[in-house]
Amino acid sequence: MEELREPGWFDYPNTIASETSWEACLLAAGCAIDAAEKGAFAVVRPPGHHAPPHGAMGFCLVNNVAVAARHMQVVHGVDRIAIVDFDVHHGNGTQDVFDGDDSVLYASLHQRGVYPGTGEEGEGGATTLNVPLAAGCGDREWLQAFEEVVEPAVASFRPELVLVSAGFDAHEDEDIYLVDMHVTEDGFRELARRCAVLAPRVGAVLEGGYNLDTLPRLVAAALDGFNADATTAG
C-alpha cells in the first residue's frame, strides 16, 4: 500500500486504495491508539474491523481497533482487553486477529446473513463471542442481546480496558444491501452507555455508518453515552 502510485483494488469490488491511503491508514490507526490511551472516540476513516492480519477487505485497509489493542498491551502493559463491536456487519478481521488469544475477548453484535457471511455462534476460540441477530431487529432486541449475552461475558472476562468498534449502519435510516435493522439514535446512546461501564477504561473507534445526514448525530449520541466529558480524537 505504501508503494501505490495510483488507485487499485485490494479486494474487488469494495476495497480500493490509492496513493494517499497509506497516510490515511497511519493517521486512523494513530487516532485509534490515542483514543485507547485517553479514553476517547476516534472518528476516523477508513474503518478497520474487516481487515484480517495480512490483507484488506470490506472498505477496511488496516484494523484500527486491533492495532490499538496490541499497542495497549505491548507499550502500556494492559493484560486483558475486551473489544465490543456493534457494527451491523460482523468484524471478521478482528475475530481472525485475536482467534486463540486468551488475553483479548472479542464480542460482536451484528445482523446474521449479511456481508461478510461470518459471525455465527461458535466461531473462533473461547474468547470469541458472536451474537448474530435476525433481520428486522431494533433497539429492544439489540439492547436485550447486549444485556443477556455481552454484558455477562465481558464481566466474567474482567478486562482492564474495553475498546468499542462503534458502527452505526444498523440505524433505521441506513440503506445498505440486505441490511434490515432499526436501531435509533437513543438505541446507540444506550449501547454506548452500557459499554462505558464494562471496564475501568473505555475507548472507541468508528467503524460503519454511511448515511452522512444521520452519522454526525449518531456519533454525538454515542459520545453522550460513553461519557458526557468525552474528548474526540480524529
Protein backbone atom coordinates (compact mmCIF):
# COMPACT_ATOMS: atom_id res chain seq x y z
CA MET A 1 0.00 0.00 0.00
CA GLU A 2 2.84 2.37 0.83
CA GLU A 3 4.19 1.92 -2.70
CA LEU A 4 0.94 2.68 -4.55
CA ARG A 5 1.16 5.45 -7.14
CA GLU A 6 -2.39 5.17 -8.49
CA PRO A 7 -5.71 3.69 -7.29
CA GLY A 8 -6.03 -0.08 -7.30
CA TRP A 9 -8.25 -2.85 -5.93
CA PHE A 10 -7.21 -4.70 -2.79
CA ASP A 11 -10.46 -6.66 -2.53
CA TYR A 12 -12.79 -6.33 -5.52
CA PRO A 13 -15.41 -4.87 -5.65
CA ASN A 14 -15.49 -2.94 -2.37
CA THR A 15 -11.96 -2.19 -1.16
CA ILE A 16 -9.88 0.23 -3.15
CA ALA A 17 -6.69 2.03 -2.17
CA SER A 18 -4.84 4.94 -3.70
CA GLU A 19 -1.54 6.77 -3.36
CA THR A 20 -2.82 8.60 -0.25
CA SER A 21 -4.30 5.56 1.53
CA TRP A 22 -1.19 4.59 3.49
CA GLU A 23 -1.03 8.03 5.12
CA ALA A 24 -4.76 7.84 5.88
CA CYS A 25 -4.26 4.42 7.49
CA LEU A 26 -1.39 5.65 9.64
CA LEU A 27 -3.49 8.58 10.81
CA ALA A 28 -6.53 6.39 11.51
CA ALA A 29 -4.54 3.79 13.45
CA GLY A 30 -2.72 6.53 15.33
CA CYS A 31 -6.01 8.13 16.32
CA ALA A 32 -7.27 4.73 17.49
CA ILE A 33 -4.18 4.38 19.69
CA ASP A 34 -4.76 7.89 21.02
CA ALA A 35 -8.39 7.03 21.82
CA ALA A 36 -7.33 3.87 23.66
CA GLU A 37 -4.79 5.78 25.70
CA LYS A 38 -7.04 8.73 26.54
CA GLY A 39 -10.48 7.14 26.75
CA ALA A 40 -11.69 8.98 23.66
CA PHE A 41 -13.67 8.26 20.49
CA ALA A 42 -11.54 8.07 17.31
CA VAL A 43 -13.71 9.35 14.47
CA VAL A 44 -11.67 8.01 11.56
CA ARG A 45 -11.76 6.69 8.03
CA PRO A 46 -11.04 4.18 6.64
CA PRO A 47 -12.75 1.80 9.08
CA GLY A 48 -10.95 -1.36 10.12
CA HIS A 49 -12.83 -4.31 11.58
CA HIS A 50 -13.00 -6.36 8.34
CA ALA A 51 -9.23 -6.18 7.75
CA PRO A 52 -7.58 -9.53 8.58
CA PRO A 53 -3.96 -9.79 9.77
CA HIS A 54 -2.47 -9.89 6.25
CA GLY A 55 -4.96 -8.27 3.93
CA ALA A 56 -7.75 -5.80 3.30
CA MET A 57 -11.47 -6.19 2.70
CA GLY A 58 -14.84 -4.55 3.21
CA PHE A 59 -13.64 -0.91 2.93
CA CYS A 60 -11.04 -1.74 5.62
CA LEU A 61 -7.30 -1.49 4.95
CA VAL A 62 -5.79 -1.67 8.46
CA ASN A 63 -7.59 -2.98 11.53
CA ASN A 64 -7.51 0.14 13.69
CA VAL A 65 -9.00 -1.33 16.86
CA ALA A 66 -6.65 -4.34 16.69
CA VAL A 67 -3.63 -2.04 16.34
CA ALA A 68 -4.82 -0.03 19.34
CA ALA A 69 -5.35 -3.17 21.43
CA ARG A 70 -1.88 -4.53 20.67
CA HIS A 71 -0.35 -1.12 21.40
CA MET A 72 -2.01 -1.02 24.80
CA GLN A 73 -0.72 -4.49 25.60
CA VAL A 74 2.86 -4.03 24.37
CA VAL A 75 3.50 -0.40 25.30
CA HIS A 76 1.30 0.04 28.37
CA GLY A 77 1.25 -3.48 29.78
CA VAL A 78 -2.53 -3.91 29.70
CA ASP A 79 -3.10 -7.63 30.21
CA ARG A 80 -6.80 -8.14 29.42
CA ILE A 81 -8.76 -6.23 26.79
CA ALA A 82 -12.34 -6.71 25.59
CA ILE A 83 -13.35 -5.48 22.14
CA VAL A 84 -17.10 -4.91 21.82
CA ASP A 85 -18.34 -4.48 18.25
CA PHE A 86 -21.86 -3.23 17.48
CA ASP A 87 -21.49 -2.65 13.74
CA VAL A 88 -24.29 -4.26 11.70
CA HIS A 89 -21.64 -6.33 9.91
CA HIS A 90 -19.53 -8.93 11.69
CA GLY A 91 -15.93 -7.88 12.33
CA ASN A 92 -14.34 -10.93 10.76
CA GLY A 93 -10.92 -9.30 10.65
CA THR A 94 -10.87 -8.56 14.37
CA GLN A 95 -12.07 -12.09 15.09
CA ASP A 96 -9.22 -13.50 12.97
CA VAL A 97 -6.56 -11.30 14.58
CA PHE A 98 -7.38 -12.46 18.10
CA ASP A 99 -8.55 -16.02 17.43
CA GLY A 100 -6.97 -18.21 20.10
CA ASP A 101 -5.63 -15.23 22.07
CA ASP A 102 -6.86 -15.59 25.64
CA SER A 103 -5.83 -12.02 26.50
CA VAL A 104 -8.44 -10.40 24.22
CA LEU A 105 -12.18 -11.05 24.29
CA TYR A 106 -13.95 -10.20 21.05
CA ALA A 107 -17.74 -9.78 21.34
CA SER A 108 -19.81 -8.82 18.29
CA LEU A 109 -23.46 -7.92 17.83
CA HIS A 110 -24.41 -7.94 14.13
CA GLN A 111 -27.05 -8.93 11.61
CA ARG A 112 -26.97 -12.58 10.59
CA GLY A 113 -26.54 -13.46 6.92
CA VAL A 114 -25.11 -10.22 5.54
CA TYR A 115 -21.57 -9.30 4.47
CA PRO A 116 -19.04 -10.83 5.11
CA GLY A 117 -21.02 -14.01 5.85
CA THR A 118 -19.22 -14.82 9.10
CA GLY A 119 -20.14 -14.35 12.74
CA GLU A 120 -22.14 -17.39 13.67
CA GLU A 121 -22.21 -18.68 17.24
CA GLY A 122 -19.26 -20.94 17.98
CA GLU A 123 -16.81 -19.38 15.54
CA GLY A 124 -13.38 -18.62 16.93
CA GLY A 125 -11.91 -19.69 20.23
CA ALA A 126 -13.03 -19.45 23.83
CA THR A 127 -12.64 -15.66 23.86
CA THR A 128 -14.75 -15.05 20.75
CA LEU A 129 -18.43 -14.26 21.30
CA ASN A 130 -20.68 -13.79 18.28
CA VAL A 131 -24.27 -12.67 18.76
CA PRO A 132 -25.97 -12.69 15.33
CA LEU A 133 -29.39 -11.02 15.22
CA ALA A 134 -32.23 -11.62 12.80
CA ALA A 135 -33.18 -9.02 10.24
CA GLY A 136 -35.77 -6.51 11.39
CA CYS A 137 -34.48 -6.01 14.93
CA GLY A 138 -34.47 -2.64 16.66
CA ASP A 139 -33.48 -1.10 19.98
CA ARG A 140 -35.27 -3.65 22.13
CA GLU A 141 -33.63 -6.70 20.57
CA TRP A 142 -30.15 -5.17 20.38
CA LEU A 143 -30.22 -4.00 23.99
CA GLN A 144 -31.68 -7.28 25.20
CA ALA A 145 -28.90 -9.24 23.47
CA PHE A 146 -26.32 -6.88 24.92
CA GLU A 147 -27.74 -7.26 28.42
CA GLU A 148 -28.25 -11.02 28.34
CA VAL A 149 -25.16 -12.16 26.41
CA VAL A 150 -22.48 -9.49 26.02
CA GLU A 151 -22.53 -7.92 29.48
CA PRO A 152 -22.18 -11.21 31.42
CA ALA A 153 -19.38 -12.42 29.13
CA VAL A 154 -17.39 -9.21 29.49
CA ALA A 155 -17.97 -9.09 33.24
CA SER A 156 -16.72 -12.66 33.56
CA PHE A 157 -13.63 -11.81 31.48
CA ARG A 158 -12.79 -8.86 33.78
CA PRO A 159 -10.99 -6.65 31.24
CA GLU A 160 -8.77 -3.77 32.28
CA LEU A 161 -9.77 -1.93 29.10
CA VAL A 162 -12.75 -2.08 26.73
CA LEU A 163 -12.34 -0.92 23.15
CA VAL A 164 -15.53 -0.41 21.16
CA SER A 165 -15.84 -0.89 17.42
CA ALA A 166 -18.70 1.55 17.05
CA GLY A 167 -20.60 1.08 13.82
CA PHE A 168 -23.81 2.95 13.09
CA ASP A 169 -25.01 1.09 9.99
CA ALA A 170 -27.72 -0.70 11.98
CA HIS A 171 -29.55 2.63 12.13
CA GLU A 172 -33.12 2.72 10.83
CA ASP A 173 -32.24 5.24 8.09
CA GLU A 174 -29.30 3.35 6.57
CA ASP A 175 -29.77 1.93 3.07
CA ILE A 176 -27.30 -0.95 2.63
CA TYR A 177 -27.72 -4.11 0.57
CA LEU A 178 -29.57 -6.79 2.58
CA VAL A 179 -29.26 -4.85 5.85
CA ASP A 180 -32.56 -4.53 7.70
CA MET A 181 -32.09 -3.11 11.19
CA HIS A 182 -33.96 -0.37 13.04
CA VAL A 183 -31.70 0.90 15.83
CA THR A 184 -32.46 4.52 16.74
CA GLU A 185 -30.35 7.39 18.00
CA ASP A 186 -31.47 6.58 21.54
CA GLY A 187 -30.53 2.94 20.98
CA PHE A 188 -26.96 3.82 20.06
CA ARG A 189 -26.73 6.19 23.03
CA GLU A 190 -27.77 3.36 25.33
CA LEU A 191 -25.41 0.82 23.73
CA ALA A 192 -22.55 3.25 24.29
CA ARG A 193 -23.63 3.92 27.87
CA ARG A 194 -23.63 0.21 28.62
CA CYS A 195 -20.20 -0.23 27.02
CA ALA A 196 -18.82 2.59 29.16
CA VAL A 197 -19.42 0.74 32.43
CA LEU A 198 -17.88 -2.57 31.37
CA ALA A 199 -14.32 -1.71 32.45
CA PRO A 200 -12.34 0.95 34.31
CA ARG A 201 -11.15 2.35 30.96
CA VAL A 202 -13.05 2.57 27.66
CA GLY A 203 -12.08 3.87 24.23
CA ALA A 204 -13.94 3.71 20.91
CA VAL A 205 -13.19 3.66 17.19
CA LEU A 206 -15.63 4.46 14.38
CA GLU A 207 -16.48 1.59 12.05
CA GLY A 208 -19.50 1.63 9.70
CA GLY A 209 -22.14 4.29 9.18
CA TYR A 210 -22.69 5.63 5.69
CA ASN A 211 -25.69 7.95 5.84
CA LEU A 212 -23.97 11.32 6.10
CA ASP A 213 -27.20 13.01 7.15
CA THR A 214 -27.55 10.87 10.28
CA LEU A 215 -23.96 9.86 11.14
CA PRO A 216 -22.92 13.10 12.90
CA ARG A 217 -25.82 12.99 15.35
CA LEU A 218 -25.38 9.25 15.95
CA VAL A 219 -21.73 9.76 16.82
CA ALA A 220 -22.74 12.63 19.09
CA ALA A 221 -25.33 10.40 20.78
CA ALA A 222 -22.71 7.70 21.33
CA LEU A 223 -20.35 10.26 22.83
CA ASP A 224 -23.12 11.24 25.22
CA GLY A 225 -23.45 7.60 26.15
CA PHE A 226 -19.76 6.90 26.62
CA ASN A 227 -19.10 9.94 28.77
CA ALA A 228 -20.54 13.44 28.89
CA ASP A 229 -16.96 14.75 29.19
CA ALA A 230 -15.51 12.55 26.41
CA THR A 231 -12.96 14.00 24.03
CA THR A 232 -12.71 13.13 20.35
CA ALA A 233 -9.53 12.04 18.55
CA GLY A 234 -9.69 12.25 14.79
